[in-house]
Amino acid sequence: DADLGGAEAELFCLELGGTALRPDFPQELRRVGGGDRGLTIGRAVQKRLHWEALQEGVSQYVSREHFRIERRRDGGPNRGFCVLPLGSNLMWLVRNGARR
């Protein structure tokens, strides 16, 4: 499975949650961290995590490379990170409790 390889500082993390997760999947294993080079999420990238964490039949809705988080480099006022969809499966963005 892909990781940061110890060479890059973790700047953000994503935590798996929701009804698609196995209820007994340990809380401490639900996090995936990313750094300055960003992070790609998908079945092909975090094979073991998706295999162990998701309930049966759910992985078909996660693309091999589902989405990527990248650092914005435009130098404008909206610096930070952005989410880029990569696969053909649907994504929902929830920010501050509201689906967008």
N, C-alpha and C. Protein backbone atom coordinates (compact mmCIF):
# COMPACT_ATOMS: atom_id res chain seq x y z
N ASP A 1 0.83 -1.19 0.00
CA ASP A 1 0.00 0.00 0.00
C ASP A 1 0.86 1.25 0.00
N ALA A 2 0.35 2.29 -0.62
CA ALA A 2 1.10 3.54 -0.69
C ALA A 2 1.11 4.21 0.67
N ASP A 3 2.21 4.84 0.98
CA ASP A 3 2.29 5.66 2.18
C ASP A 3 3.23 6.81 1.90
N LEU A 4 3.51 7.61 2.91
CA LEU A 4 4.37 8.76 2.73
C LEU A 4 5.84 8.39 2.74
N GLY A 5 6.16 7.16 3.10
CA GLY A 5 7.53 6.70 3.07
C GLY A 5 8.44 7.41 4.05
N GLY A 6 7.87 8.10 5.02
CA GLY A 6 8.65 8.78 6.02
C GLY A 6 9.39 10.00 5.51
N ALA A 7 9.34 10.31 4.22
CA ALA A 7 10.12 11.41 3.65
C ALA A 7 9.36 12.72 3.64
N GLU A 8 8.07 12.69 3.89
CA GLU A 8 7.25 13.89 3.75
C GLU A 8 6.42 14.10 5.01
N ALA A 9 6.34 15.33 5.48
CA ALA A 9 5.55 15.64 6.66
C ALA A 9 4.06 15.55 6.34
N GLU A 10 3.29 15.00 7.26
CA GLU A 10 1.85 14.92 7.09
C GLU A 10 1.24 16.29 7.33
N LEU A 11 0.53 16.80 6.33
CA LEU A 11 -0.11 18.11 6.42
C LEU A 11 -1.61 18.01 6.63
N PHE A 12 -2.19 16.86 6.29
CA PHE A 12 -3.63 16.65 6.46
C PHE A 12 -3.88 15.16 6.56
N CYS A 13 -5.05 14.81 7.00
CA CYS A 13 -5.43 13.40 7.01
C CYS A 13 -6.91 13.27 6.68
N LEU A 14 -7.25 12.15 6.11
CA LEU A 14 -8.64 11.80 5.84
C LEU A 14 -9.00 10.65 6.76
N GLU A 15 -10.22 10.63 7.23
CA GLU A 15 -10.67 9.54 8.10
C GLU A 15 -11.89 8.88 7.48
N LEU A 16 -11.80 7.56 7.30
CA LEU A 16 -12.92 6.80 6.76
C LEU A 16 -14.03 6.74 7.79
N GLY A 17 -15.26 6.84 7.31
CA GLY A 17 -16.41 6.76 8.20
C GLY A 17 -17.66 6.46 7.40
N GLY A 18 -18.75 6.26 8.08
CA GLY A 18 -20.04 6.05 7.43
C GLY A 18 -20.52 4.62 7.45
N THR A 19 -21.64 4.41 6.81
CA THR A 19 -22.31 3.11 6.85
C THR A 19 -21.63 2.06 5.98
N ALA A 20 -20.75 2.45 5.08
CA ALA A 20 -20.07 1.49 4.22
C ALA A 20 -18.92 0.79 4.94
N LEU A 21 -18.51 1.31 6.07
CA LEU A 21 -17.41 0.73 6.84
C LEU A 21 -17.90 -0.45 7.68
N ARG A 22 -17.04 -1.44 7.82
CA ARG A 22 -17.34 -2.52 8.75
C ARG A 22 -17.38 -1.92 10.15
N PRO A 23 -18.42 -2.24 10.91
CA PRO A 23 -18.55 -1.63 12.24
C PRO A 23 -17.41 -1.97 13.20
N ASP A 24 -16.75 -3.11 12.97
CA ASP A 24 -15.68 -3.52 13.86
C ASP A 24 -14.30 -3.07 13.39
N PHE A 25 -14.23 -2.28 12.31
CA PHE A 25 -12.93 -1.83 11.82
C PHE A 25 -12.35 -0.83 12.80
N PRO A 26 -11.11 -1.06 13.27
CA PRO A 26 -10.54 -0.22 14.34
C PRO A 26 -10.42 1.26 13.96
N GLN A 27 -10.80 2.10 14.89
CA GLN A 27 -10.76 3.55 14.70
C GLN A 27 -9.36 4.04 14.33
N GLU A 28 -8.34 3.48 14.94
CA GLU A 28 -6.97 3.95 14.71
C GLU A 28 -6.45 3.62 13.32
N LEU A 29 -7.12 2.73 12.58
CA LEU A 29 -6.70 2.36 11.23
C LEU A 29 -7.49 3.08 10.13
N ARG A 30 -8.37 3.96 10.51
CA ARG A 30 -9.26 4.64 9.55
C ARG A 30 -8.66 5.89 8.93
N ARG A 31 -7.47 6.28 9.33
CA ARG A 31 -6.86 7.52 8.84
C ARG A 31 -5.85 7.27 7.73
N VAL A 32 -5.83 8.18 6.75
CA VAL A 32 -4.85 8.17 5.67
C VAL A 32 -4.29 9.59 5.60
N GLY A 33 -2.98 9.72 5.73
CA GLY A 33 -2.37 11.04 5.74
C GLY A 33 -1.77 11.43 4.41
N GLY A 34 -1.70 12.74 4.19
CA GLY A 34 -1.11 13.27 2.97
C GLY A 34 -0.21 14.45 3.27
N GLY A 35 0.67 14.73 2.35
CA GLY A 35 1.63 15.82 2.54
C GLY A 35 1.61 16.80 1.39
N ASP A 36 2.72 17.47 1.21
CA ASP A 36 2.84 18.52 0.20
C ASP A 36 2.62 17.99 -1.22
N ARG A 37 2.96 16.73 -1.45
CA ARG A 37 2.78 16.14 -2.79
C ARG A 37 1.35 15.66 -3.01
N GLY A 38 0.48 15.82 -2.04
CA GLY A 38 -0.90 15.41 -2.19
C GLY A 38 -1.12 13.96 -1.82
N LEU A 39 -2.29 13.45 -2.20
CA LEU A 39 -2.69 12.09 -1.83
C LEU A 39 -3.73 11.60 -2.82
N THR A 40 -3.53 10.39 -3.32
CA THR A 40 -4.53 9.74 -4.18
C THR A 40 -5.21 8.66 -3.36
N ILE A 41 -6.53 8.61 -3.46
CA ILE A 41 -7.34 7.61 -2.74
C ILE A 41 -8.00 6.71 -3.77
N GLY A 42 -7.97 5.40 -3.53
CA GLY A 42 -8.63 4.45 -4.41
C GLY A 42 -8.26 3.02 -4.09
N ARG A 43 -9.01 2.11 -4.69
CA ARG A 43 -8.78 0.67 -4.45
C ARG A 43 -7.38 0.23 -4.84
N ALA A 44 -6.81 0.80 -5.89
CA ALA A 44 -5.49 0.39 -6.35
C ALA A 44 -4.38 0.96 -5.48
N VAL A 45 -4.68 2.01 -4.74
CA VAL A 45 -3.66 2.70 -3.96
C VAL A 45 -3.61 2.19 -2.52
N GLN A 46 -4.77 2.07 -1.89
CA GLN A 46 -4.85 1.57 -0.52
C GLN A 46 -5.58 0.22 -0.53
N LYS A 47 -4.99 -0.76 -1.19
CA LYS A 47 -5.64 -2.06 -1.39
C LYS A 47 -6.07 -2.70 -0.08
N ARG A 48 -5.16 -2.80 0.82
CA ARG A 48 -5.46 -3.49 2.09
C ARG A 48 -6.52 -2.74 2.89
N LEU A 49 -6.40 -1.41 2.94
CA LEU A 49 -7.37 -0.62 3.69
C LEU A 49 -8.78 -0.82 3.15
N HIS A 50 -8.94 -0.74 1.83
CA HIS A 50 -10.27 -0.91 1.26
C HIS A 50 -10.78 -2.34 1.44
N TRP A 51 -9.90 -3.30 1.32
CA TRP A 51 -10.31 -4.70 1.48
C TRP A 51 -10.78 -4.97 2.90
N GLU A 52 -10.06 -4.45 3.88
CA GLU A 52 -10.38 -4.74 5.28
C GLU A 52 -11.45 -3.82 5.87
N ALA A 53 -11.53 -2.59 5.40
CA ALA A 53 -12.41 -1.61 6.04
C ALA A 53 -13.83 -1.61 5.49
N LEU A 54 -14.00 -1.86 4.20
CA LEU A 54 -15.32 -1.73 3.60
C LEU A 54 -16.14 -3.01 3.71
N GLN A 55 -17.43 -2.83 3.89
CA GLN A 55 -18.34 -3.97 3.94
C GLN A 55 -18.40 -4.64 2.57
N GLU A 56 -18.78 -5.89 2.56
CA GLU A 56 -18.85 -6.66 1.32
C GLU A 56 -19.78 -5.98 0.32
N GLY A 57 -19.34 -5.91 -0.94
CA GLY A 57 -20.15 -5.34 -2.00
C GLY A 57 -20.00 -3.84 -2.19
N VAL A 58 -19.28 -3.19 -1.31
CA VAL A 58 -19.15 -1.74 -1.37
C VAL A 58 -18.00 -1.30 -2.26
N SER A 59 -16.93 -2.08 -2.33
CA SER A 59 -15.73 -1.65 -3.06
C SER A 59 -15.99 -1.40 -4.54
N GLN A 60 -17.05 -1.96 -5.10
CA GLN A 60 -17.36 -1.71 -6.51
C GLN A 60 -17.70 -0.25 -6.77
N TYR A 61 -18.02 0.49 -5.72
CA TYR A 61 -18.36 1.91 -5.86
C TYR A 61 -17.15 2.82 -5.66
N VAL A 62 -16.00 2.23 -5.37
CA VAL A 62 -14.76 2.99 -5.21
C VAL A 62 -13.89 2.70 -6.42
N SER A 63 -13.54 3.73 -7.17
CA SER A 63 -12.70 3.56 -8.35
C SER A 63 -11.29 3.13 -7.95
N ARG A 64 -10.56 2.57 -8.91
CA ARG A 64 -9.17 2.19 -8.65
C ARG A 64 -8.37 3.41 -8.19
N GLU A 65 -8.57 4.52 -8.83
CA GLU A 65 -8.06 5.81 -8.38
C GLU A 65 -9.28 6.73 -8.32
N HIS A 66 -9.84 6.89 -7.14
CA HIS A 66 -11.15 7.53 -6.96
C HIS A 66 -11.04 9.06 -6.97
N PHE A 67 -10.15 9.59 -6.16
CA PHE A 67 -9.94 11.04 -6.15
C PHE A 67 -8.54 11.35 -5.65
N ARG A 68 -8.15 12.58 -5.83
CA ARG A 68 -6.83 13.03 -5.41
C ARG A 68 -6.97 14.37 -4.71
N ILE A 69 -6.18 14.55 -3.68
CA ILE A 69 -6.09 15.84 -3.00
C ILE A 69 -4.73 16.42 -3.36
N GLU A 70 -4.75 17.62 -3.92
CA GLU A 70 -3.51 18.28 -4.35
C GLU A 70 -3.41 19.65 -3.73
N ARG A 71 -2.19 20.07 -3.55
CA ARG A 71 -1.93 21.43 -3.06
C ARG A 71 -2.14 22.40 -4.21
N ARG A 72 -2.86 23.46 -3.94
CA ARG A 72 -3.05 24.51 -4.95
C ARG A 72 -1.78 25.32 -5.05
N ARG A 73 -1.35 25.58 -6.25
CA ARG A 73 -0.09 26.28 -6.46
C ARG A 73 -0.27 27.57 -7.25
N ASP A 74 -1.51 28.08 -7.30
CA ASP A 74 -1.77 29.26 -8.12
C ASP A 74 -1.35 30.57 -7.46
N GLY A 75 -0.98 30.51 -6.19
CA GLY A 75 -0.51 31.71 -5.51
C GLY A 75 -1.59 32.71 -5.16
N GLY A 76 -2.82 32.40 -5.47
CA GLY A 76 -3.92 33.32 -5.19
C GLY A 76 -4.39 33.22 -3.75
N PRO A 77 -5.50 33.89 -3.43
CA PRO A 77 -5.99 33.91 -2.06
C PRO A 77 -6.56 32.57 -1.60
N ASN A 78 -6.84 31.67 -2.52
CA ASN A 78 -7.42 30.37 -2.18
C ASN A 78 -6.37 29.28 -2.07
N ARG A 79 -5.20 29.60 -1.55
CA ARG A 79 -4.17 28.59 -1.39
C ARG A 79 -4.65 27.54 -0.42
N GLY A 80 -4.12 26.38 -0.53
CA GLY A 80 -4.51 25.26 0.31
C GLY A 80 -4.54 24.00 -0.53
N PHE A 81 -5.55 23.19 -0.32
CA PHE A 81 -5.69 21.93 -1.03
C PHE A 81 -7.02 21.88 -1.78
N CYS A 82 -7.07 21.09 -2.84
CA CYS A 82 -8.32 20.91 -3.58
C CYS A 82 -8.53 19.42 -3.87
N VAL A 83 -9.76 19.05 -4.06
CA VAL A 83 -10.15 17.66 -4.35
C VAL A 83 -10.41 17.53 -5.85
N LEU A 84 -9.76 16.54 -6.48
CA LEU A 84 -9.92 16.29 -7.90
C LEU A 84 -10.49 14.90 -8.12
N PRO A 85 -11.70 14.78 -8.65
CA PRO A 85 -12.25 13.45 -8.95
C PRO A 85 -11.44 12.80 -10.07
N LEU A 86 -11.14 11.52 -9.94
CA LEU A 86 -10.35 10.80 -10.94
C LEU A 86 -11.13 9.68 -11.61
N GLY A 87 -12.08 9.09 -10.91
CA GLY A 87 -12.79 7.93 -11.42
C GLY A 87 -14.16 8.29 -11.96
N SER A 88 -14.87 7.27 -12.43
CA SER A 88 -16.20 7.48 -12.98
C SER A 88 -17.29 7.31 -11.92
N ASN A 89 -16.94 6.80 -10.74
CA ASN A 89 -17.93 6.65 -9.67
C ASN A 89 -18.23 8.00 -9.04
N LEU A 90 -19.45 8.14 -8.54
CA LEU A 90 -19.90 9.40 -7.96
C LEU A 90 -19.16 9.73 -6.67
N MET A 91 -19.09 11.02 -6.39
CA MET A 91 -18.53 11.51 -5.13
C MET A 91 -19.49 12.56 -4.57
N TRP A 92 -19.55 12.64 -3.24
CA TRP A 92 -20.29 13.69 -2.57
C TRP A 92 -19.32 14.45 -1.71
N LEU A 93 -19.42 15.76 -1.73
CA LEU A 93 -18.60 16.60 -0.88
C LEU A 93 -19.49 17.11 0.25
N VAL A 94 -19.07 16.85 1.47
CA VAL A 94 -19.80 17.34 2.63
C VAL A 94 -18.85 18.28 3.37
N ARG A 95 -19.28 19.51 3.51
CA ARG A 95 -18.47 20.52 4.21
C ARG A 95 -19.32 21.14 5.29
N ASN A 96 -18.80 21.12 6.51
CA ASN A 96 -19.53 21.66 7.67
C ASN A 96 -20.93 21.06 7.77
N GLY A 97 -21.03 19.77 7.48
CA GLY A 97 -22.30 19.06 7.62
C GLY A 97 -23.26 19.21 6.45
N ALA A 98 -22.92 20.00 5.44
CA ALA A 98 -23.81 20.21 4.30
C ALA A 98 -23.26 19.54 3.06
N ARG A 99 -24.10 18.74 2.40
CA ARG A 99 -23.70 18.09 1.14
C ARG A 99 -23.72 19.09 0.02
N ARG A 100 -22.66 19.06 -0.83
CA ARG A 100 -22.56 20.00 -1.95
C ARG A 100 -22.46 19.23 -3.24
